[in-house]
């Protein structure tokens, strides 16, 4: 029933094509290997292999596939684990159905997307950590690292950042790692939020 509801929502967008639906985590992995979709929707709790374990496998084997967690479980530990393991989005089943379409479009385009309620908690957590460690200004970043941070805020992948800045992808990965460390953030989503807060990226109108 839940999958039928998700399919009905996605069918509203003529640019979204559902290529497969899985009944458990192992099937989700197998179908992703077969179809190589732009976006995979996973739940925290799935039969066979749970969504968090599935993210780890997908991120390791198929890093170009965007992964969105769509779940009823929005506890901070689940959000943190999912994002650290490579999830590009985190949505709640109780969200407005439009958030699902917005998330699929954003992640399909190479960006990231959080449920508004989840995003609010992520920002609050970042602010709390920065209050505890107040001396983490953007001034610690080099000019190149600022450019990389701005690109992260725009939702670009490492390959896209490399192309924009005329760098090799390995160098971009090193810069991304340095940016996360210097800002004291845990993942690309938090780095993107930092870019917006610092005014390095202007939000696009809806």
N, C-alpha and C. Protein backbone atom coordinates (compact mmCIF):
# COMPACT_ATOMS: atom_id res chain seq x y z
N UNK A 1 0.83 -1.21 0.00
CA UNK A 1 0.00 0.00 0.00
C UNK A 1 0.86 1.26 0.00
N UNK A 2 1.93 1.20 0.79
CA UNK A 2 2.82 2.36 0.82
C UNK A 2 3.47 2.58 -0.54
N UNK A 3 3.96 1.49 -1.15
CA UNK A 3 4.58 1.62 -2.46
C UNK A 3 3.59 2.14 -3.50
N UNK A 4 2.33 1.70 -3.40
CA UNK A 4 1.32 2.17 -4.34
C UNK A 4 1.11 3.67 -4.19
N UNK A 5 1.14 4.15 -2.94
CA UNK A 5 1.00 5.59 -2.73
C UNK A 5 2.17 6.38 -3.29
N UNK A 6 3.39 5.84 -3.09
CA UNK A 6 4.59 6.49 -3.63
C UNK A 6 4.53 6.54 -5.16
N UNK A 7 4.13 5.43 -5.75
CA UNK A 7 4.03 5.38 -7.22
C UNK A 7 3.02 6.39 -7.73
N UNK A 8 1.91 6.54 -7.02
CA UNK A 8 0.88 7.50 -7.44
C UNK A 8 1.41 8.92 -7.40
N UNK A 9 2.20 9.23 -6.38
CA UNK A 9 2.77 10.58 -6.28
C UNK A 9 3.77 10.82 -7.40
N UNK A 10 4.66 9.86 -7.63
CA UNK A 10 5.69 10.03 -8.65
C UNK A 10 5.07 10.11 -10.05
N UNK A 11 3.93 9.48 -10.24
CA UNK A 11 3.28 9.50 -11.56
C UNK A 11 2.77 10.89 -11.92
N UNK A 12 2.70 11.79 -10.95
CA UNK A 12 2.26 13.15 -11.23
C UNK A 12 3.26 13.92 -12.08
N UNK A 13 4.53 13.51 -12.01
CA UNK A 13 5.57 14.23 -12.73
C UNK A 13 5.90 13.47 -14.02
N UNK A 14 5.63 14.04 -15.18
CA UNK A 14 5.89 13.34 -16.44
C UNK A 14 7.37 13.11 -16.71
N UNK A 15 8.24 13.79 -15.97
CA UNK A 15 9.67 13.63 -16.18
C UNK A 15 10.27 12.54 -15.29
N UNK A 16 9.45 11.94 -14.43
CA UNK A 16 9.91 10.88 -13.54
C UNK A 16 9.39 9.54 -14.05
N UNK A 17 10.30 8.60 -14.24
CA UNK A 17 9.92 7.25 -14.67
C UNK A 17 10.37 6.25 -13.61
N UNK A 18 9.44 5.48 -13.09
CA UNK A 18 9.75 4.43 -12.14
C UNK A 18 10.13 3.18 -12.93
N UNK A 19 11.38 2.73 -12.79
CA UNK A 19 11.86 1.60 -13.60
C UNK A 19 11.69 0.27 -12.90
N UNK A 20 11.52 0.28 -11.56
CA UNK A 20 11.36 -0.97 -10.82
C UNK A 20 10.93 -0.67 -9.40
N UNK A 21 10.31 -1.66 -8.75
CA UNK A 21 10.00 -1.56 -7.33
C UNK A 21 10.36 -2.87 -6.67
N UNK A 22 10.94 -2.76 -5.46
CA UNK A 22 11.48 -3.93 -4.78
C UNK A 22 10.66 -4.26 -3.55
N UNK A 23 10.62 -5.54 -3.21
CA UNK A 23 9.89 -5.97 -2.03
C UNK A 23 10.76 -6.07 -0.79
N UNK A 24 12.08 -6.06 -0.95
CA UNK A 24 12.98 -6.11 0.20
C UNK A 24 14.30 -5.47 -0.17
N UNK A 25 15.19 -5.35 0.83
CA UNK A 25 16.45 -4.65 0.62
C UNK A 25 17.37 -5.34 -0.38
N UNK A 26 17.42 -6.66 -0.33
CA UNK A 26 18.29 -7.37 -1.27
C UNK A 26 17.81 -7.20 -2.70
N UNK A 27 16.50 -7.22 -2.89
CA UNK A 27 15.95 -7.02 -4.23
C UNK A 27 16.23 -5.60 -4.70
N UNK A 28 16.18 -4.64 -3.77
CA UNK A 28 16.48 -3.25 -4.13
C UNK A 28 17.90 -3.12 -4.66
N UNK A 29 18.85 -3.81 -4.01
CA UNK A 29 20.23 -3.78 -4.48
C UNK A 29 20.34 -4.41 -5.87
N UNK A 30 19.71 -5.58 -6.05
CA UNK A 30 19.79 -6.27 -7.33
C UNK A 30 19.18 -5.45 -8.45
N UNK A 31 18.04 -4.82 -8.20
CA UNK A 31 17.38 -4.03 -9.24
C UNK A 31 18.16 -2.76 -9.56
N UNK A 32 18.82 -2.20 -8.55
CA UNK A 32 19.65 -1.02 -8.80
C UNK A 32 20.84 -1.39 -9.68
N UNK A 33 21.45 -2.52 -9.42
CA UNK A 33 22.55 -2.98 -10.27
C UNK A 33 22.09 -3.17 -11.71
N UNK A 34 20.87 -3.69 -11.88
CA UNK A 34 20.37 -3.99 -13.21
C UNK A 34 19.98 -2.74 -13.99
N UNK A 35 19.28 -1.82 -13.32
CA UNK A 35 18.69 -0.68 -14.04
C UNK A 35 19.53 0.60 -13.97
N UNK A 36 20.43 0.71 -12.96
CA UNK A 36 21.25 1.91 -12.78
C UNK A 36 20.39 3.19 -12.83
N UNK A 37 19.40 3.32 -11.96
CA UNK A 37 18.55 4.51 -11.98
C UNK A 37 19.30 5.73 -11.47
N UNK A 38 18.73 6.90 -11.71
CA UNK A 38 19.30 8.13 -11.18
C UNK A 38 19.08 8.23 -9.67
N UNK A 39 17.93 7.72 -9.21
CA UNK A 39 17.54 7.86 -7.80
C UNK A 39 16.96 6.54 -7.31
N UNK A 40 17.32 6.17 -6.08
CA UNK A 40 16.74 5.02 -5.40
C UNK A 40 16.07 5.51 -4.12
N UNK A 41 14.83 5.07 -3.88
CA UNK A 41 14.13 5.36 -2.63
C UNK A 41 14.22 4.14 -1.73
N UNK A 42 14.69 4.34 -0.50
CA UNK A 42 14.80 3.25 0.47
C UNK A 42 14.08 3.63 1.76
N UNK A 43 13.70 2.62 2.53
CA UNK A 43 13.13 2.84 3.85
C UNK A 43 14.15 2.39 4.89
N UNK A 44 14.01 2.89 6.11
CA UNK A 44 14.90 2.44 7.18
C UNK A 44 14.67 0.95 7.43
N UNK A 45 13.41 0.57 7.62
CA UNK A 45 13.08 -0.82 7.89
C UNK A 45 12.52 -1.47 6.64
N UNK A 46 13.26 -2.44 6.10
CA UNK A 46 12.80 -3.21 4.96
C UNK A 46 13.08 -4.68 5.24
N UNK A 47 12.30 -5.59 4.68
CA UNK A 47 12.59 -7.02 4.88
C UNK A 47 13.95 -7.38 4.31
N UNK A 48 14.59 -8.37 4.93
CA UNK A 48 15.85 -8.89 4.42
C UNK A 48 17.04 -8.02 4.78
N UNK A 49 17.18 -6.89 4.12
CA UNK A 49 18.30 -5.98 4.33
C UNK A 49 17.73 -4.59 4.60
N UNK A 50 18.07 -4.01 5.76
CA UNK A 50 17.48 -2.71 6.07
C UNK A 50 18.09 -1.61 5.22
N UNK A 51 17.41 -0.46 5.19
CA UNK A 51 17.81 0.63 4.31
C UNK A 51 19.18 1.19 4.61
N UNK A 52 19.56 1.25 5.87
CA UNK A 52 20.87 1.81 6.22
C UNK A 52 21.99 0.91 5.69
N UNK A 53 21.83 -0.40 5.81
CA UNK A 53 22.83 -1.32 5.26
C UNK A 53 22.84 -1.24 3.74
N UNK A 54 21.66 -1.08 3.14
CA UNK A 54 21.58 -0.97 1.69
C UNK A 54 22.30 0.27 1.18
N UNK A 55 22.17 1.38 1.90
CA UNK A 55 22.87 2.61 1.50
C UNK A 55 24.37 2.36 1.45
N UNK A 56 24.90 1.72 2.47
CA UNK A 56 26.34 1.46 2.53
C UNK A 56 26.79 0.68 1.30
N UNK A 57 26.05 -0.36 0.93
CA UNK A 57 26.42 -1.17 -0.23
C UNK A 57 26.30 -0.38 -1.52
N UNK A 58 25.22 0.37 -1.67
CA UNK A 58 25.01 1.13 -2.90
C UNK A 58 26.07 2.22 -3.06
N UNK A 59 26.37 2.92 -1.97
CA UNK A 59 27.34 4.01 -2.04
C UNK A 59 28.72 3.49 -2.40
N UNK A 60 29.02 2.28 -1.92
CA UNK A 60 30.34 1.69 -2.20
C UNK A 60 30.41 1.16 -3.63
N UNK A 61 29.33 0.53 -4.10
CA UNK A 61 29.36 -0.14 -5.40
C UNK A 61 28.90 0.76 -6.54
N UNK A 62 27.92 1.61 -6.30
CA UNK A 62 27.34 2.47 -7.34
C UNK A 62 27.25 3.90 -6.84
N UNK A 63 28.39 4.57 -6.66
CA UNK A 63 28.39 5.91 -6.06
C UNK A 63 27.67 6.95 -6.89
N UNK A 64 27.43 6.70 -8.17
CA UNK A 64 26.74 7.69 -9.00
C UNK A 64 25.24 7.68 -8.86
N UNK A 65 24.69 6.69 -8.13
CA UNK A 65 23.24 6.60 -7.94
C UNK A 65 22.84 7.41 -6.71
N UNK A 66 21.90 8.32 -6.88
CA UNK A 66 21.41 9.10 -5.74
C UNK A 66 20.48 8.26 -4.87
N UNK A 67 20.60 8.40 -3.56
CA UNK A 67 19.79 7.61 -2.63
C UNK A 67 19.02 8.53 -1.71
N UNK A 68 17.71 8.31 -1.63
CA UNK A 68 16.85 9.06 -0.71
C UNK A 68 16.24 8.09 0.28
N UNK A 69 16.33 8.42 1.55
CA UNK A 69 15.61 7.66 2.57
C UNK A 69 14.21 8.25 2.68
N UNK A 70 13.20 7.40 2.56
CA UNK A 70 11.80 7.80 2.71
C UNK A 70 11.23 6.91 3.80
N UNK A 71 10.98 7.48 4.98
CA UNK A 71 10.71 6.65 6.14
C UNK A 71 9.82 7.36 7.14
N UNK A 72 9.30 6.60 8.09
CA UNK A 72 8.59 7.18 9.23
C UNK A 72 9.54 7.46 10.38
N UNK A 73 10.77 6.94 10.27
CA UNK A 73 11.73 7.03 11.37
C UNK A 73 12.66 8.23 11.17
N UNK A 74 12.36 9.32 11.84
CA UNK A 74 13.15 10.53 11.67
C UNK A 74 14.06 10.85 12.83
N UNK A 75 14.37 9.85 13.68
CA UNK A 75 15.25 10.10 14.81
C UNK A 75 16.62 10.55 14.34
N UNK A 76 17.24 11.39 15.16
CA UNK A 76 18.52 11.99 14.77
C UNK A 76 19.57 10.94 14.41
N UNK A 77 19.59 9.83 15.16
CA UNK A 77 20.63 8.83 14.88
C UNK A 77 20.44 8.20 13.51
N UNK A 78 19.19 8.04 13.08
CA UNK A 78 18.95 7.49 11.74
C UNK A 78 19.36 8.49 10.67
N UNK A 79 19.01 9.75 10.89
CA UNK A 79 19.37 10.79 9.91
C UNK A 79 20.88 10.88 9.77
N UNK A 80 21.57 10.96 10.91
CA UNK A 80 23.04 11.07 10.90
C UNK A 80 23.67 9.87 10.21
N UNK A 81 23.22 8.67 10.57
CA UNK A 81 23.79 7.45 9.97
C UNK A 81 23.57 7.44 8.47
N UNK A 82 22.35 7.75 8.04
CA UNK A 82 22.04 7.73 6.61
C UNK A 82 22.90 8.71 5.84
N UNK A 83 23.03 9.93 6.33
CA UNK A 83 23.81 10.95 5.63
C UNK A 83 25.30 10.60 5.62
N UNK A 84 25.79 10.08 6.74
CA UNK A 84 27.20 9.71 6.79
C UNK A 84 27.51 8.54 5.86
N UNK A 85 26.54 7.67 5.63
CA UNK A 85 26.76 6.53 4.75
C UNK A 85 26.56 6.88 3.28
N UNK A 86 26.17 8.12 2.99
CA UNK A 86 26.09 8.54 1.60
C UNK A 86 24.72 8.86 1.06
N UNK A 87 23.69 8.88 1.91
CA UNK A 87 22.36 9.26 1.43
C UNK A 87 22.39 10.71 0.94
N UNK A 88 21.68 10.96 -0.15
CA UNK A 88 21.60 12.31 -0.71
C UNK A 88 20.34 13.04 -0.30
N UNK A 89 19.43 12.32 0.32
CA UNK A 89 18.18 12.93 0.76
C UNK A 89 17.57 12.14 1.90
N UNK A 90 16.74 12.82 2.69
CA UNK A 90 16.05 12.16 3.80
C UNK A 90 14.68 12.79 3.90
N UNK A 91 13.63 11.98 3.65
CA UNK A 91 12.26 12.46 3.65
C UNK A 91 11.42 11.62 4.61
N UNK A 92 10.37 12.23 5.13
CA UNK A 92 9.45 11.54 6.02
C UNK A 92 8.15 11.24 5.28
N UNK A 93 7.59 10.08 5.56
CA UNK A 93 6.34 9.71 4.90
C UNK A 93 5.21 10.65 5.26
N UNK A 94 5.33 11.33 6.39
CA UNK A 94 4.30 12.28 6.81
C UNK A 94 4.45 13.64 6.14
N UNK A 95 5.51 13.84 5.34
CA UNK A 95 5.71 15.11 4.65
C UNK A 95 4.62 15.32 3.60
N UNK A 96 4.47 16.56 3.17
CA UNK A 96 3.61 16.87 2.04
C UNK A 96 4.10 16.07 0.82
N UNK A 97 3.20 15.45 0.06
CA UNK A 97 3.63 14.67 -1.12
C UNK A 97 4.51 15.45 -2.09
N UNK A 98 4.37 16.77 -2.11
CA UNK A 98 5.21 17.57 -3.01
C UNK A 98 6.67 17.49 -2.63
N UNK A 99 6.94 17.23 -1.33
CA UNK A 99 8.34 17.11 -0.91
C UNK A 99 9.01 15.91 -1.57
N UNK A 100 8.25 14.84 -1.77
CA UNK A 100 8.81 13.67 -2.44
C UNK A 100 9.23 14.00 -3.86
N UNK A 101 8.36 14.70 -4.59
CA UNK A 101 8.71 15.09 -5.96
C UNK A 101 9.88 16.06 -5.96
N UNK A 102 9.88 17.02 -5.05
CA UNK A 102 11.00 17.96 -4.97
C UNK A 102 12.31 17.23 -4.69
N UNK A 103 12.25 16.25 -3.78
CA UNK A 103 13.46 15.51 -3.43
C UNK A 103 13.99 14.67 -4.58
N UNK A 104 13.08 13.99 -5.28
CA UNK A 104 13.50 13.16 -6.41
C UNK A 104 14.11 14.03 -7.51
N UNK A 105 13.48 15.17 -7.79
CA UNK A 105 14.04 16.07 -8.82
C UNK A 105 15.43 16.57 -8.41
N UNK A 106 15.57 16.99 -7.15
CA UNK A 106 16.84 17.56 -6.69
C UNK A 106 17.95 16.53 -6.72
N UNK A 107 17.69 15.35 -6.17
CA UNK A 107 18.72 14.31 -6.12
C UNK A 107 18.99 13.78 -7.53
N UNK A 108 17.96 13.67 -8.35
CA UNK A 108 18.16 13.24 -9.72
C UNK A 108 19.03 14.17 -10.52
N UNK A 109 19.04 15.46 -10.12
CA UNK A 109 19.87 16.46 -10.80
C UNK A 109 21.27 16.55 -10.19
N UNK A 110 21.58 15.67 -9.23
CA UNK A 110 22.90 15.66 -8.63
C UNK A 110 23.01 16.43 -7.33
N UNK A 111 21.87 16.92 -6.81
CA UNK A 111 21.89 17.69 -5.57
C UNK A 111 21.53 16.85 -4.36
N UNK A 112 21.09 17.54 -3.31
CA UNK A 112 20.69 16.89 -2.06
C UNK A 112 19.38 17.50 -1.61
N UNK A 113 18.63 16.77 -0.78
CA UNK A 113 17.33 17.29 -0.34
C UNK A 113 16.97 16.68 1.01
N UNK A 114 16.52 17.53 1.93
CA UNK A 114 16.07 17.09 3.24
C UNK A 114 14.64 17.53 3.47
N UNK A 115 13.88 16.69 4.15
CA UNK A 115 12.57 17.10 4.64
C UNK A 115 12.74 18.40 5.42
N UNK A 116 11.84 19.37 5.25
CA UNK A 116 11.97 20.62 6.01
C UNK A 116 12.13 20.40 7.51
N UNK A 117 11.40 19.42 8.06
CA UNK A 117 11.52 19.17 9.50
C UNK A 117 12.90 18.60 9.84
N UNK A 118 13.41 17.74 8.98
CA UNK A 118 14.75 17.19 9.21
C UNK A 118 15.80 18.28 9.05
N UNK A 119 15.65 19.12 8.03
CA UNK A 119 16.62 20.20 7.78
C UNK A 119 16.70 21.14 8.98
N UNK A 120 15.56 21.43 9.58
CA UNK A 120 15.56 22.31 10.76
C UNK A 120 16.37 21.73 11.89
N UNK A 121 16.27 20.42 12.10
CA UNK A 121 17.03 19.78 13.17
C UNK A 121 18.51 19.72 12.83
N UNK A 122 18.84 19.48 11.56
CA UNK A 122 20.25 19.45 11.15
C UNK A 122 20.89 20.81 11.39
N UNK A 123 20.20 21.88 11.01
CA UNK A 123 20.72 23.23 11.21
C UNK A 123 20.89 23.52 12.69
N UNK A 124 19.89 23.14 13.49
CA UNK A 124 19.98 23.38 14.94
C UNK A 124 21.18 22.64 15.53
N UNK A 125 21.42 21.41 15.06
CA UNK A 125 22.56 20.65 15.56
C UNK A 125 23.88 21.28 15.17
N UNK A 126 23.95 21.79 13.93
CA UNK A 126 25.16 22.48 13.50
C UNK A 126 25.43 23.70 14.35
N UNK A 127 24.37 24.48 14.62
CA UNK A 127 24.55 25.69 15.42
C UNK A 127 25.00 25.37 16.83
N UNK A 128 24.47 24.28 17.38
CA UNK A 128 24.87 23.89 18.73
C UNK A 128 26.34 23.50 18.77
N UNK A 129 26.79 22.77 17.75
CA UNK A 129 28.20 22.38 17.72
C UNK A 129 29.11 23.58 17.51
N UNK A 130 28.66 24.53 16.69
CA UNK A 130 29.48 25.72 16.46
C UNK A 130 29.52 26.60 17.70
N UNK A 131 28.42 26.62 18.47
CA UNK A 131 28.42 27.40 19.72
C UNK A 131 29.42 26.82 20.71
N UNK A 132 29.57 25.49 20.69
CA UNK A 132 30.53 24.85 21.58
C UNK A 132 31.96 25.07 21.11
N UNK A 133 32.14 25.24 19.80
CA UNK A 133 33.47 25.48 19.22
C UNK A 133 33.38 26.72 18.33
N UNK A 134 33.40 27.91 18.91
CA UNK A 134 33.10 29.13 18.16
C UNK A 134 34.16 29.55 17.16
N UNK A 135 35.37 29.00 17.25
CA UNK A 135 36.44 29.49 16.37
C UNK A 135 36.61 28.59 15.15
N UNK A 136 35.54 28.51 14.36
CA UNK A 136 35.61 27.76 13.12
C UNK A 136 35.12 28.62 11.96
N UNK A 137 35.69 29.79 11.77
CA UNK A 137 35.19 30.68 10.72
C UNK A 137 35.56 30.19 9.33
N UNK A 138 34.84 30.71 8.35
CA UNK A 138 35.16 30.37 6.97
C UNK A 138 36.54 30.88 6.57
N UNK A 139 37.07 31.82 7.35
CA UNK A 139 38.39 32.35 7.04
C UNK A 139 39.46 31.27 7.08
N UNK A 140 39.15 30.14 7.70
CA UNK A 140 40.14 29.06 7.74
C UNK A 140 40.25 28.37 6.38
N UNK A 141 39.27 28.58 5.52
CA UNK A 141 39.30 27.94 4.21
C UNK A 141 40.19 28.72 3.25
N UNK A 142 40.89 27.99 2.39
CA UNK A 142 41.62 28.64 1.31
C UNK A 142 40.63 29.09 0.25
N UNK A 143 41.09 29.90 -0.69
CA UNK A 143 40.20 30.37 -1.75
C UNK A 143 39.65 29.20 -2.56
N UNK A 144 40.48 28.22 -2.83
CA UNK A 144 40.02 27.05 -3.59
C UNK A 144 38.98 26.27 -2.78
N UNK A 145 39.20 26.14 -1.48
CA UNK A 145 38.24 25.42 -0.63
C UNK A 145 36.91 26.17 -0.57
N UNK A 146 36.95 27.50 -0.61
CA UNK A 146 35.70 28.27 -0.67
C UNK A 146 34.95 27.99 -1.97
N UNK A 147 35.69 27.88 -3.05
CA UNK A 147 35.06 27.57 -4.34
C UNK A 147 34.41 26.19 -4.30
N UNK A 148 35.11 25.24 -3.68
CA UNK A 148 34.56 23.89 -3.56
C UNK A 148 33.32 23.90 -2.67
N UNK A 149 33.35 24.66 -1.57
CA UNK A 149 32.19 24.77 -0.69
C UNK A 149 31.00 25.37 -1.42
N UNK A 150 31.24 26.40 -2.21
CA UNK A 150 30.16 27.01 -3.00
C UNK A 150 29.57 26.00 -3.97
N UNK A 151 30.42 25.18 -4.57
CA UNK A 151 29.94 24.16 -5.50
C UNK A 151 29.13 23.09 -4.76
N UNK A 152 29.56 22.72 -3.55
CA UNK A 152 28.79 21.78 -2.75
C UNK A 152 27.41 22.35 -2.44
N UNK A 153 27.38 23.66 -2.15
CA UNK A 153 26.10 24.31 -1.88
C UNK A 153 25.18 24.31 -3.07
N UNK A 154 25.74 24.24 -4.25
CA UNK A 154 24.95 24.18 -5.48
C UNK A 154 24.53 22.76 -5.84
N UNK A 155 24.96 21.79 -4.99
CA UNK A 155 24.55 20.40 -5.21
C UNK A 155 25.36 19.66 -6.24
N UNK A 156 26.57 20.15 -6.56
CA UNK A 156 27.38 19.49 -7.59
C UNK A 156 28.07 18.25 -7.04
N UNK A 157 28.22 17.26 -7.88
CA UNK A 157 28.99 16.06 -7.53
C UNK A 157 30.48 16.37 -7.63
N UNK A 158 31.32 15.46 -7.14
CA UNK A 158 32.77 15.66 -7.25
C UNK A 158 33.20 15.80 -8.71
N UNK A 159 32.62 14.98 -9.58
CA UNK A 159 32.98 15.06 -11.00
C UNK A 159 32.60 16.41 -11.60
N UNK A 160 31.43 16.91 -11.22
CA UNK A 160 30.98 18.20 -11.73
C UNK A 160 31.83 19.34 -11.18
N UNK A 161 32.24 19.24 -9.92
CA UNK A 161 33.11 20.25 -9.33
C UNK A 161 34.46 20.25 -10.05
N UNK A 162 34.97 19.05 -10.32
CA UNK A 162 36.26 18.94 -11.02
C UNK A 162 36.18 19.61 -12.39
N UNK A 163 35.08 19.39 -13.09
CA UNK A 163 34.92 20.00 -14.41
C UNK A 163 34.82 21.53 -14.32
N UNK A 164 34.06 22.01 -13.33
CA UNK A 164 33.88 23.46 -13.20
C UNK A 164 35.18 24.15 -12.82
N UNK A 165 35.95 23.55 -11.91
CA UNK A 165 37.17 24.19 -11.40
C UNK A 165 38.44 23.73 -12.12
N UNK A 166 38.27 22.89 -13.15
CA UNK A 166 39.41 22.40 -13.93
C UNK A 166 40.43 21.68 -13.04
N UNK A 167 39.90 20.73 -12.23
CA UNK A 167 40.73 19.93 -11.34
C UNK A 167 40.50 18.46 -11.64
N UNK A 168 41.39 17.62 -11.17
CA UNK A 168 41.14 16.19 -11.25
C UNK A 168 40.26 15.80 -10.08
N UNK A 169 39.48 14.73 -10.24
CA UNK A 169 38.49 14.37 -9.23
C UNK A 169 39.14 14.02 -7.89
N UNK A 170 40.32 13.41 -7.92
CA UNK A 170 41.01 13.10 -6.68
C UNK A 170 41.35 14.33 -5.86
N UNK A 171 41.73 15.41 -6.56
CA UNK A 171 42.02 16.67 -5.87
C UNK A 171 40.76 17.24 -5.24
N UNK A 172 39.64 17.12 -5.96
CA UNK A 172 38.36 17.61 -5.42
C UNK A 172 38.02 16.86 -4.14
N UNK A 173 38.18 15.54 -4.14
CA UNK A 173 37.89 14.75 -2.95
C UNK A 173 38.71 15.23 -1.76
N UNK A 174 39.98 15.55 -2.01
CA UNK A 174 40.84 16.05 -0.93
C UNK A 174 40.35 17.39 -0.41
N UNK A 175 39.93 18.27 -1.33
CA UNK A 175 39.40 19.58 -0.91
C UNK A 175 38.10 19.42 -0.12
N UNK A 176 37.22 18.52 -0.57
CA UNK A 176 35.97 18.30 0.14
C UNK A 176 36.25 17.81 1.56
N UNK A 177 37.17 16.87 1.69
CA UNK A 177 37.54 16.37 3.01
C UNK A 177 38.07 17.49 3.90
N UNK A 178 38.91 18.37 3.34
CA UNK A 178 39.46 19.48 4.11
C UNK A 178 38.37 20.45 4.53
N UNK A 179 37.41 20.71 3.63
CA UNK A 179 36.31 21.63 3.95
C UNK A 179 35.48 21.07 5.10
N UNK A 180 35.13 19.78 5.05
CA UNK A 180 34.34 19.18 6.11
C UNK A 180 35.07 19.27 7.45
N UNK A 181 36.36 19.00 7.42
CA UNK A 181 37.15 19.03 8.66
C UNK A 181 37.23 20.43 9.23
N UNK A 182 37.54 21.41 8.39
CA UNK A 182 37.72 22.79 8.87
C UNK A 182 36.42 23.41 9.37
N UNK A 183 35.30 23.03 8.75
CA UNK A 183 34.01 23.59 9.17
C UNK A 183 33.40 22.81 10.32
N UNK A 184 33.95 21.64 10.60
CA UNK A 184 33.40 20.84 11.68
C UNK A 184 32.05 20.24 11.34
N UNK A 185 31.81 19.97 10.06
CA UNK A 185 30.56 19.35 9.65
C UNK A 185 30.81 17.90 9.28
N UNK A 186 29.72 17.11 9.23
CA UNK A 186 29.90 15.66 9.10
C UNK A 186 29.68 15.12 7.70
N UNK A 187 29.07 15.90 6.82
CA UNK A 187 28.76 15.37 5.50
C UNK A 187 28.49 16.51 4.53
N UNK A 188 28.25 16.17 3.27
CA UNK A 188 28.06 17.16 2.21
C UNK A 188 26.80 17.98 2.42
N UNK A 189 25.76 17.37 3.00
CA UNK A 189 24.52 18.11 3.23
C UNK A 189 24.77 19.26 4.21
N UNK A 190 25.46 18.97 5.31
CA UNK A 190 25.76 20.03 6.28
C UNK A 190 26.68 21.07 5.66
N UNK A 191 27.62 20.65 4.82
CA UNK A 191 28.50 21.61 4.15
C UNK A 191 27.69 22.52 3.23
N UNK A 192 26.70 21.94 2.52
CA UNK A 192 25.85 22.75 1.65
C UNK A 192 25.07 23.78 2.44
N UNK A 193 24.57 23.38 3.62
CA UNK A 193 23.85 24.33 4.47
C UNK A 193 24.79 25.45 4.91
N UNK A 194 26.03 25.10 5.24
CA UNK A 194 27.02 26.12 5.62
C UNK A 194 27.25 27.11 4.49
N UNK A 195 27.27 26.60 3.25
CA UNK A 195 27.48 27.48 2.10
C UNK A 195 26.34 28.49 1.97
N UNK A 196 25.11 28.03 2.19
CA UNK A 196 23.97 28.94 2.14
C UNK A 196 24.04 29.97 3.27
N UNK A 197 24.36 29.50 4.47
CA UNK A 197 24.43 30.41 5.62
C UNK A 197 25.52 31.46 5.44
N UNK A 198 26.59 31.08 4.76
CA UNK A 198 27.70 32.01 4.55
C UNK A 198 27.46 32.94 3.35
N UNK A 199 26.38 32.73 2.63
CA UNK A 199 26.08 33.58 1.48
C UNK A 199 26.87 33.23 0.23
N UNK A 200 27.48 32.03 0.23
CA UNK A 200 28.24 31.62 -0.95
C UNK A 200 27.35 31.14 -2.07
N UNK A 201 26.10 30.79 -1.72
CA UNK A 201 25.14 30.28 -2.69
C UNK A 201 23.82 31.00 -2.49
N UNK A 202 23.21 31.40 -3.57
CA UNK A 202 21.90 32.06 -3.51
C UNK A 202 20.83 31.02 -3.81
N UNK A 203 19.87 30.84 -2.90
CA UNK A 203 18.81 29.85 -3.16
C UNK A 203 18.07 30.16 -4.44
N UNK A 204 17.78 29.11 -5.22
CA UNK A 204 17.05 29.30 -6.45
C UNK A 204 15.57 29.43 -6.17
N UNK A 205 14.87 30.31 -6.89
CA UNK A 205 13.43 30.44 -6.67
C UNK A 205 12.71 29.18 -7.08
N UNK A 206 11.60 28.84 -6.36
CA UNK A 206 10.80 27.66 -6.71
C UNK A 206 9.87 27.98 -7.86
